Amino acid sequence: MIHIDSPNSPTYQPELSDFDRFQILLAISDYRMRYLTTNSTQQHDVPEYHELNTMTRLYKYDYTYYVELGLGEFDGGSYHSIFLIVDTGSPVTWTQCEGCRACFTQSSPHFPRSRSQTYRQYDKDHCMFHDTYTDGMDLKGFWAREKLTFVSSIAEELIHEFVFVCGIEITNFIPGALGMGRGQSSLLTQLGTRGNYQFSYCLQHFNNLASDTYIRFGDAIQRLPNMFSTPLVYGGIPTHYYVSLIDISVNDKRLNLPQHLFQAKLNNTGGTVFDTGTILTYLVSEAFDIVVDEIATYVENYNPSLRKSTNLRGSDAPCWEAIFYTPDVHFPPLIFHFDGYADLFIYPSNVMIKASHGAHPLGKYCATLGRVQPNGWDINIIGSIYQMNQLVIFDVGNSLLLFAHVDCNIEV
């Protein structure tokens, strides 16, 4: 996995300021939150595959993460490199293909399906894919089968009949996605017993981009002795990875939040999910207000140099700005308490990030916490910033989510 801000990233943009990055972060995260809480992902039966010990490099893209994979087979046995956002909220893998109309602008060529010797499109009665999301996002394409190569693997691994969507019309979207959510068409399901129905990742902190990291499958996953585990449960949207969030602490103060704020309900709304594609963490309104009030009390008690500032455009995330210089600012840690006595510790550097620009030369700091917008689903989302420097394992076969704090710049 490589962050967009790493010099190793093909999308490295050194000219962006902290403020620019945070504005992009907010826009992408809000888009993703709305998509995640309203998506209607289609399913598709896929071929069975028969143990896998593999990993592929993860790249960071504006605080989201993407991988490089090889698709197809061309003259000389080569493949076409594609970069896909890791999407744990959907089982559908898709990329932009030649002939794509109204598509997302990308620097590399679209997948040249007509030149691949291994591309196979499903028959006309079963080949069309169309999903429409909120905010005008729209994806149309064809279900197809193709050879998939894990580019950064320990040893080259292939899936010869990988089912994916060849995108031909994409509006307000991204270049492509690797479907890691629950479902028949997900990469994890297609790997089956080869991947032991489990995958792991370790997301680097955006302030430290010294090395790349990997998404791992099967026997390539390294479990640590100090890992917390909590059950994966089912909720209203079957493609998502739900967990049982019990409570939240701010600076070791347990808030004793009502359980119903986090639990899945009989009408299929509510619940809490882990997601890599959402950048901020989102809480339903009642929980958000209580947690933000506690964060504000801490910030204002421990930082005489900071005063409350306006929120950034389009965001409920609270911000503070420095009114005089100080070498240190202090923010509270959070703890998310999950079923099974599993505590996810959120370090202060993940709770608040600097979003300064010319109008705030001494520093402006904003929380990486957002409010779930009313949309009927009311799903709490644990986003990628709160997962940074955590080794996270989705053991889907045993219905467990495992995590442990590590330095993700040290390969795990």
Protein backbone atom coordinates (compact mmCIF):
# COMPACT_ATOMS: atom_id res chain seq x y z
CA MET A 1 0.00 0.00 0.00
CA ILE A 2 1.42 3.40 -0.95
CA HIS A 3 -0.03 6.77 0.02
CA ILE A 4 -0.59 9.42 -2.65
CA ASP A 5 1.83 11.64 -0.71
CA SER A 6 4.66 9.13 -0.85
CA PRO A 7 7.38 9.95 -3.41
CA ASN A 8 6.90 6.35 -4.58
CA SER A 9 3.30 7.02 -5.52
CA PRO A 10 2.40 7.45 -9.21
CA THR A 11 -0.03 10.19 -8.12
CA TYR A 12 2.43 12.09 -5.90
CA GLN A 13 1.50 15.81 -5.71
CA PRO A 14 4.16 17.67 -3.70
CA GLU A 15 2.58 21.07 -4.38
CA LEU A 16 -0.54 20.41 -2.28
CA SER A 17 -0.74 22.24 1.06
CA ASP A 18 -2.05 20.74 4.30
CA PHE A 19 -5.22 22.76 3.80
CA ASP A 20 -5.68 21.49 0.23
CA ARG A 21 -5.21 17.92 1.37
CA PHE A 22 -7.73 18.25 4.17
CA GLN A 23 -10.33 19.83 1.90
CA ILE A 24 -9.89 16.93 -0.54
CA LEU A 25 -10.10 14.52 2.40
CA LEU A 26 -13.42 15.97 3.53
CA ALA A 27 -14.96 15.88 0.07
CA ILE A 28 -13.90 12.29 -0.63
CA SER A 29 -14.88 11.10 2.83
CA ASP A 30 -18.34 12.66 2.67
CA TYR A 31 -18.87 11.16 -0.79
CA ARG A 32 -17.83 7.77 0.50
CA MET A 33 -20.03 7.98 3.61
CA ARG A 34 -23.08 8.66 1.44
CA TYR A 35 -22.17 5.85 -0.94
CA LEU A 36 -21.53 3.35 1.85
CA THR A 37 -24.81 4.01 3.61
CA THR A 38 -26.95 3.80 0.46
CA ASN A 39 -25.26 1.35 -1.91
CA SER A 40 -27.23 -1.43 -3.54
CA THR A 41 -24.44 -3.68 -4.74
CA GLN A 42 -25.44 -6.39 -7.17
CA GLN A 43 -24.37 -10.00 -6.73
CA HIS A 44 -23.20 -12.55 -9.26
CA ASP A 45 -22.37 -16.26 -9.18
CA VAL A 46 -18.69 -16.86 -9.86
CA PRO A 47 -16.53 -19.91 -10.65
CA GLU A 48 -14.96 -21.85 -7.77
CA TYR A 49 -11.19 -21.76 -7.27
CA HIS A 50 -9.03 -24.27 -5.60
CA GLU A 51 -4.33 -22.49 -0.76
CA LEU A 52 -2.87 -19.13 -1.41
CA ASN A 53 0.15 -17.50 0.20
CA THR A 54 0.24 -14.09 -1.40
CA MET A 55 0.21 -10.37 -0.86
CA THR A 56 0.03 -7.32 -3.06
CA ARG A 57 1.33 -3.83 -2.45
CA LEU A 58 -1.10 -1.21 -1.13
CA TYR A 59 -0.95 2.42 -2.23
CA LYS A 60 -2.49 5.41 -0.47
CA TYR A 61 -4.72 7.76 -2.47
CA ASP A 62 -5.86 10.92 -0.66
CA TYR A 63 -6.00 8.97 2.62
CA THR A 64 -7.67 6.04 0.89
CA TYR A 65 -5.72 3.02 -0.28
CA TYR A 66 -5.24 1.29 -3.57
CA VAL A 67 -3.39 -1.71 -4.98
CA GLU A 68 -1.59 -2.49 -8.21
CA LEU A 69 -2.73 -5.66 -9.96
CA GLY A 70 -2.08 -7.19 -13.35
CA LEU A 71 -5.07 -7.84 -15.60
CA GLY A 72 -5.19 -9.86 -18.80
CA GLU A 73 -2.53 -11.53 -20.92
CA PHE A 74 -0.96 -9.85 -23.93
CA ASP A 75 1.79 -10.63 -26.44
CA GLY A 76 4.84 -12.03 -24.68
CA GLY A 77 2.81 -13.04 -21.63
CA SER A 78 2.64 -9.51 -20.22
CA TYR A 79 -0.28 -8.05 -18.26
CA HIS A 80 -1.87 -4.60 -18.05
CA SER A 81 -1.26 -2.83 -14.71
CA ILE A 82 -4.36 -1.43 -13.01
CA PHE A 83 -4.64 0.59 -9.80
CA LEU A 84 -7.76 -0.09 -7.74
CA ILE A 85 -9.11 1.50 -4.57
CA VAL A 86 -9.45 -1.14 -1.83
CA ASP A 87 -13.18 -1.24 -1.13
CA THR A 88 -14.27 -3.24 1.93
CA GLY A 89 -17.85 -2.02 1.46
CA SER A 90 -18.56 -3.70 -1.88
CA PRO A 91 -17.87 -7.14 -3.40
CA VAL A 92 -17.57 -5.77 -6.95
CA THR A 93 -14.18 -5.31 -8.59
CA TRP A 94 -14.21 -2.99 -11.58
CA THR A 95 -11.84 -1.01 -13.76
CA GLN A 96 -12.22 1.40 -16.67
CA CYS A 97 -12.00 -0.35 -20.03
CA GLU A 98 -11.31 0.84 -23.55
CA GLY A 99 -14.28 2.57 -25.07
CA CYS A 100 -15.14 4.10 -21.72
CA ARG A 101 -17.49 7.09 -22.01
CA ALA A 102 -17.77 9.98 -19.52
CA CYS A 103 -15.09 8.32 -17.43
CA PHE A 104 -12.82 9.37 -14.60
CA THR A 105 -9.64 11.00 -15.93
CA GLN A 106 -6.60 8.79 -15.40
CA SER A 107 -3.02 9.08 -16.66
CA SER A 108 -2.65 5.42 -17.64
CA PRO A 109 -4.56 3.81 -20.54
CA HIS A 110 -7.89 2.12 -19.92
CA PHE A 111 -7.78 -1.68 -19.90
CA PRO A 112 -7.44 -2.78 -23.58
CA ARG A 113 -9.88 -5.69 -23.41
CA SER A 114 -9.91 -6.27 -27.17
CA ARG A 115 -6.17 -7.06 -27.17
CA SER A 116 -6.14 -9.39 -24.18
CA GLN A 117 -5.89 -13.07 -25.09
CA THR A 118 -7.74 -14.15 -21.93
CA TYR A 119 -10.66 -11.68 -21.77
CA ARG A 120 -14.08 -13.31 -21.80
CA GLN A 121 -17.33 -11.37 -21.55
CA TYR A 122 -20.47 -12.97 -20.16
CA ASP A 123 -23.34 -13.53 -22.59
CA LYS A 124 -25.72 -10.66 -23.20
CA ASP A 125 -28.42 -11.95 -20.85
CA HIS A 126 -26.07 -11.86 -17.86
CA CYS A 127 -23.33 -9.39 -18.69
CA MET A 128 -24.70 -5.91 -17.90
CA PHE A 129 -23.89 -4.20 -14.60
CA HIS A 130 -25.45 -0.92 -13.50
CA ASP A 131 -25.30 0.69 -10.06
CA THR A 132 -26.55 4.16 -9.20
CA TYR A 133 -25.58 5.87 -5.95
CA THR A 134 -26.32 9.13 -4.20
CA ASP A 135 -24.78 12.44 -5.33
CA GLY A 136 -24.95 11.43 -9.00
CA MET A 137 -22.44 8.58 -8.89
CA ASP A 138 -23.18 6.06 -11.61
CA LEU A 139 -21.37 2.99 -12.92
CA LYS A 140 -22.23 0.96 -16.01
CA GLY A 141 -20.26 -1.91 -17.44
CA PHE A 142 -20.05 -5.55 -18.47
CA TRP A 143 -19.49 -8.58 -16.28
CA ALA A 144 -16.41 -10.37 -17.63
CA ARG A 145 -13.76 -12.96 -16.76
CA GLU A 146 -10.04 -12.33 -17.03
CA LYS A 147 -6.66 -13.49 -15.76
CA LEU A 148 -5.67 -11.59 -12.60
CA THR A 149 -2.04 -11.39 -11.43
CA PHE A 150 -0.91 -10.36 -7.95
CA VAL A 151 1.89 -8.00 -8.97
CA SER A 152 3.74 -7.59 -5.65
CA SER A 153 3.35 -11.12 -4.40
CA ILE A 154 5.84 -13.30 -2.54
CA ALA A 155 5.54 -15.58 -5.54
CA GLU A 156 3.46 -14.70 -8.57
CA GLU A 157 -0.10 -15.89 -8.06
CA LEU A 158 -2.83 -15.97 -10.64
CA ILE A 159 -6.59 -16.26 -10.82
CA HIS A 160 -7.36 -17.46 -14.33
CA GLU A 161 -11.11 -16.83 -14.34
CA PHE A 162 -11.46 -13.74 -12.19
CA VAL A 163 -14.93 -12.17 -12.41
CA PHE A 164 -15.01 -8.37 -12.57
CA VAL A 165 -16.84 -5.47 -14.18
CA CYS A 166 -15.37 -3.80 -17.25
CA GLY A 167 -16.52 -0.20 -16.76
CA ILE A 168 -17.68 1.68 -19.85
CA GLU A 169 -19.58 4.62 -18.34
CA ILE A 170 -18.53 6.11 -15.02
CA THR A 171 -19.87 9.40 -13.63
CA ASN A 172 -18.35 11.22 -10.63
CA PHE A 173 -16.44 8.13 -9.59
CA ILE A 174 -12.89 6.77 -9.26
CA PRO A 175 -10.65 4.83 -11.69
CA GLY A 176 -11.57 1.44 -10.24
CA ALA A 177 -12.16 -0.61 -7.10
CA LEU A 178 -11.03 -3.92 -5.66
CA GLY A 179 -14.16 -5.49 -4.17
CA MET A 180 -13.24 -6.85 -0.73
CA GLY A 181 -16.73 -6.69 0.80
CA ARG A 182 -18.97 -9.66 1.51
CA GLY A 183 -20.54 -11.28 -1.54
CA GLN A 184 -20.16 -13.92 -4.25
CA SER A 185 -18.22 -11.65 -6.60
CA SER A 186 -15.69 -10.39 -4.00
CA LEU A 187 -12.01 -11.20 -4.43
CA LEU A 188 -12.03 -13.02 -1.08
CA THR A 189 -14.90 -15.29 -2.14
CA GLN A 190 -13.33 -15.97 -5.52
CA LEU A 191 -10.07 -16.97 -3.81
CA GLY A 192 -12.05 -19.26 -1.50
CA THR A 193 -9.95 -21.82 0.35
CA ARG A 194 -6.82 -20.60 -1.45
CA GLY A 195 -7.00 -17.46 0.69
CA ASN A 196 -8.40 -19.18 3.80
CA TYR A 197 -11.27 -16.66 3.63
CA GLN A 198 -9.16 -14.00 5.33
CA PHE A 199 -7.17 -10.88 4.46
CA SER A 200 -5.15 -8.31 6.37
CA TYR A 201 -3.74 -4.82 5.93
CA CYS A 202 -1.73 -2.28 7.88
CA LEU A 203 -2.38 1.37 6.97
CA GLN A 204 0.53 3.76 7.37
CA HIS A 205 0.04 7.05 9.16
CA PHE A 206 -0.08 9.91 6.65
CA ASN A 207 2.68 11.76 8.56
CA ASN A 208 5.16 8.91 8.01
CA LEU A 209 5.42 7.50 4.50
CA ALA A 210 8.83 5.85 4.68
CA SER A 211 7.83 2.55 3.11
CA ASP A 212 5.06 0.65 1.41
CA THR A 213 2.81 -1.91 3.02
CA TYR A 214 0.75 -4.84 1.78
CA ILE A 215 -2.65 -6.41 1.71
CA ARG A 216 -2.17 -10.11 2.50
CA PHE A 217 -4.16 -13.26 2.00
CA GLY A 218 -4.09 -16.78 3.43
CA ASP A 219 -0.84 -18.05 4.87
CA ALA A 220 0.92 -14.74 4.18
CA ILE A 221 -1.01 -13.18 7.09
CA GLN A 222 1.05 -12.73 10.26
CA ARG A 223 -0.92 -12.89 13.51
CA LEU A 224 0.51 -11.20 16.59
CA PRO A 225 0.19 -12.50 20.18
CA ASN A 226 -1.33 -9.25 21.49
CA MET A 227 -4.20 -8.96 19.03
CA PHE A 228 -7.72 -8.02 20.11
CA SER A 229 -10.58 -9.86 18.45
CA THR A 230 -14.26 -9.03 18.10
CA PRO A 231 -16.99 -10.91 16.22
CA LEU A 232 -17.99 -9.93 12.71
CA VAL A 233 -21.77 -9.71 12.72
CA TYR A 234 -24.41 -9.18 10.07
CA GLY A 235 -26.34 -5.96 9.57
CA GLY A 236 -28.76 -4.38 7.17
CA ILE A 237 -26.39 -4.13 4.18
CA PRO A 238 -25.04 -7.64 3.52
CA THR A 239 -21.88 -6.48 1.73
CA HIS A 240 -20.51 -4.58 4.78
CA TYR A 241 -18.35 -5.80 7.68
CA TYR A 242 -20.36 -5.05 10.82
CA VAL A 243 -18.97 -5.18 14.37
CA SER A 244 -20.55 -4.67 17.81
CA LEU A 245 -19.41 -1.30 19.15
CA ILE A 246 -20.22 -1.06 22.88
CA ASP A 247 -18.98 2.39 23.96
CA ILE A 248 -16.40 5.15 23.40
CA SER A 249 -13.90 6.76 25.79
CA VAL A 250 -12.30 10.20 25.44
CA ASN A 251 -8.99 10.52 27.33
CA ASP A 252 -9.89 7.42 29.41
CA LYS A 253 -13.30 8.86 30.35
CA ARG A 254 -15.92 6.24 29.52
CA LEU A 255 -18.93 8.02 28.02
CA ASN A 256 -21.52 5.27 28.68
CA LEU A 257 -23.28 5.98 25.41
CA PRO A 258 -26.65 4.28 24.83
CA GLN A 259 -26.23 0.88 23.16
CA HIS A 260 -28.94 1.54 20.60
CA LEU A 261 -26.74 4.17 18.93
CA PHE A 262 -24.37 1.48 17.66
CA GLN A 263 -26.50 -1.64 17.27
CA ALA A 264 -28.11 -3.00 14.12
CA LYS A 265 -31.89 -2.78 14.34
CA LEU A 266 -34.66 -5.15 13.31
CA ASN A 267 -35.58 -2.83 10.42
CA ASN A 268 -32.04 -3.36 9.01
CA THR A 269 -30.82 0.16 9.88
CA GLY A 270 -28.09 1.09 12.35
CA GLY A 271 -24.97 -0.82 13.31
CA THR A 272 -21.24 -0.11 13.00
CA VAL A 273 -18.91 -1.07 10.13
CA PHE A 274 -15.16 -1.07 9.44
CA ASP A 275 -14.28 0.46 6.08
CA THR A 276 -11.01 1.37 4.36
CA GLY A 277 -12.57 3.60 1.71
CA THR A 278 -14.12 6.06 4.18
CA ILE A 279 -11.46 8.46 5.43
CA LEU A 280 -13.03 10.05 8.50
CA THR A 281 -14.91 8.11 11.16
CA TYR A 282 -18.64 8.85 11.21
CA LEU A 283 -21.02 8.58 14.16
CA VAL A 284 -24.78 9.00 14.30
CA SER A 285 -25.81 12.46 15.51
CA GLU A 286 -26.42 11.75 19.21
CA ALA A 287 -23.11 9.93 19.64
CA PHE A 288 -21.24 12.49 17.51
CA ASP A 289 -22.43 15.43 19.64
CA ILE A 290 -21.45 13.77 22.92
CA VAL A 291 -17.99 12.71 21.71
CA VAL A 292 -17.27 16.10 20.12
CA ASP A 293 -18.29 17.92 23.33
CA GLU A 294 -15.76 15.83 25.29
CA ILE A 295 -13.03 16.44 22.72
CA ALA A 296 -13.76 20.19 22.83
CA THR A 297 -13.59 20.26 26.63
CA TYR A 298 -10.19 18.58 26.57
CA VAL A 299 -8.78 20.77 23.78
CA GLU A 300 -9.87 24.00 25.44
CA ASN A 301 -8.64 22.94 28.91
CA TYR A 302 -5.18 21.87 27.77
CA ASN A 303 -4.45 24.36 24.97
CA PRO A 304 -4.58 28.06 25.93
CA SER A 305 -3.07 28.87 22.52
CA LEU A 306 -6.09 27.46 20.65
CA ARG A 307 -9.53 28.92 20.12
CA LYS A 308 -12.58 27.45 18.43
CA SER A 309 -12.56 28.13 14.70
CA THR A 310 -15.06 27.78 11.91
CA ASN A 311 -15.58 24.31 10.52
CA LEU A 312 -14.27 23.67 7.05
CA ARG A 313 -16.81 24.00 4.27
CA GLY A 314 -19.28 21.14 4.14
CA SER A 315 -18.06 19.50 7.34
CA ASP A 316 -19.32 18.99 10.88
CA ALA A 317 -15.79 18.16 12.07
CA PRO A 318 -14.84 20.76 14.72
CA CYS A 319 -11.71 22.87 14.24
CA TRP A 320 -9.45 25.04 16.42
CA GLU A 321 -6.85 27.62 15.39
CA ALA A 322 -3.73 28.88 17.16
CA ILE A 323 -3.85 32.52 18.29
CA PHE A 324 -0.22 32.61 19.39
CA TYR A 325 2.78 30.38 18.81
CA THR A 326 3.36 27.37 21.00
CA PRO A 327 5.70 24.44 20.29
CA ASP A 328 3.17 21.87 21.49
CA VAL A 329 -0.55 21.25 21.17
CA HIS A 330 -2.39 18.53 23.07
CA PHE A 331 -5.31 16.43 21.88
CA PRO A 332 -7.09 13.54 23.58
CA PRO A 333 -6.83 9.86 22.68
CA LEU A 334 -10.02 7.93 22.05
CA ILE A 335 -10.88 4.30 22.75
CA PHE A 336 -13.56 2.44 20.82
CA HIS A 337 -14.79 -0.47 22.95
CA PHE A 338 -16.01 -3.50 20.99
CA ASP A 339 -17.67 -6.74 21.99
CA GLY A 340 -15.18 -9.29 23.33
CA TYR A 341 -13.28 -6.69 25.42
CA ALA A 342 -11.57 -5.50 22.25
CA ASP A 343 -10.38 -1.89 22.64
CA LEU A 344 -9.26 0.10 19.60
CA PHE A 345 -6.96 2.87 20.89
CA ILE A 346 -6.99 5.98 18.68
CA TYR A 347 -3.85 8.05 19.14
CA PRO A 348 -4.14 11.87 19.35
CA SER A 349 -2.33 12.22 16.01
CA ASN A 350 -5.22 10.33 14.41
CA VAL A 351 -7.94 12.19 16.33
CA MET A 352 -6.88 15.64 15.05
CA ILE A 353 -4.89 16.67 12.00
CA LYS A 354 -3.39 19.97 10.92
CA ALA A 355 -5.30 21.77 8.17
CA SER A 356 -3.47 25.11 7.98
CA HIS A 357 -3.31 27.58 5.12
CA GLY A 358 -2.48 31.26 4.61
CA ALA A 359 -5.30 32.56 6.81
CA HIS A 360 -4.10 30.45 9.74
CA PRO A 361 -0.28 30.63 9.64
CA LEU A 362 0.08 29.44 13.25
CA GLY A 363 -1.98 26.33 12.66
CA LYS A 364 -5.54 25.13 12.29
CA TYR A 365 -6.44 21.70 13.62
CA CYS A 366 -9.58 19.73 12.77
CA ALA A 367 -11.05 16.53 14.15
CA THR A 368 -11.17 13.50 11.89
CA LEU A 369 -14.70 12.72 13.04
CA GLY A 370 -17.88 13.36 11.10
CA ARG A 371 -21.61 13.16 11.58
CA VAL A 372 -23.66 10.55 9.72
CA GLN A 373 -26.11 12.46 7.54
CA PRO A 374 -29.77 11.43 7.87
CA ASN A 375 -30.35 8.90 5.13
CA GLY A 376 -32.36 6.11 6.68
CA TRP A 377 -29.47 3.71 7.37
CA ASP A 378 -27.79 5.47 10.35
CA ILE A 379 -24.62 3.38 10.09
CA ASN A 380 -21.56 4.29 12.17
CA ILE A 381 -18.35 3.95 10.12
CA ILE A 382 -14.83 3.31 11.46
CA GLY A 383 -12.78 4.99 8.72
CA SER A 384 -9.19 4.64 7.54
CA ILE A 385 -7.59 7.37 9.70
CA TYR A 386 -8.73 5.63 12.89
CA GLN A 387 -7.26 2.38 11.50
CA MET A 388 -3.81 3.81 10.73
CA ASN A 389 -0.91 1.99 12.42
CA GLN A 390 -3.17 -0.96 13.21
CA LEU A 391 -2.66 -4.44 11.83
CA VAL A 392 -6.22 -5.42 10.91
CA ILE A 393 -7.26 -8.96 9.98
CA PHE A 394 -10.65 -9.82 8.52
CA ASP A 395 -11.03 -13.53 9.33
CA VAL A 396 -14.29 -13.92 7.47
CA GLY A 397 -14.24 -17.72 7.64
CA ASN A 398 -14.37 -17.58 11.44
CA SER A 399 -16.43 -14.35 11.60
CA LEU A 400 -13.75 -12.42 13.50
CA LEU A 401 -12.10 -9.01 13.16
CA LEU A 402 -8.65 -8.86 14.78
CA PHE A 403 -6.46 -5.80 15.34
CA ALA A 404 -3.30 -4.69 17.14
CA HIS A 405 -1.36 -1.42 17.26
CA VAL A 406 1.88 -1.64 15.25
CA ASP A 407 4.19 0.62 13.27
CA CYS A 408 2.94 0.01 9.74
CA ASN A 409 6.19 1.37 8.29
CA ILE A 410 7.73 -1.86 9.55
CA GLU A 411 6.43 -4.50 7.19
CA VAL A 412 3.75 -6.71 8.73
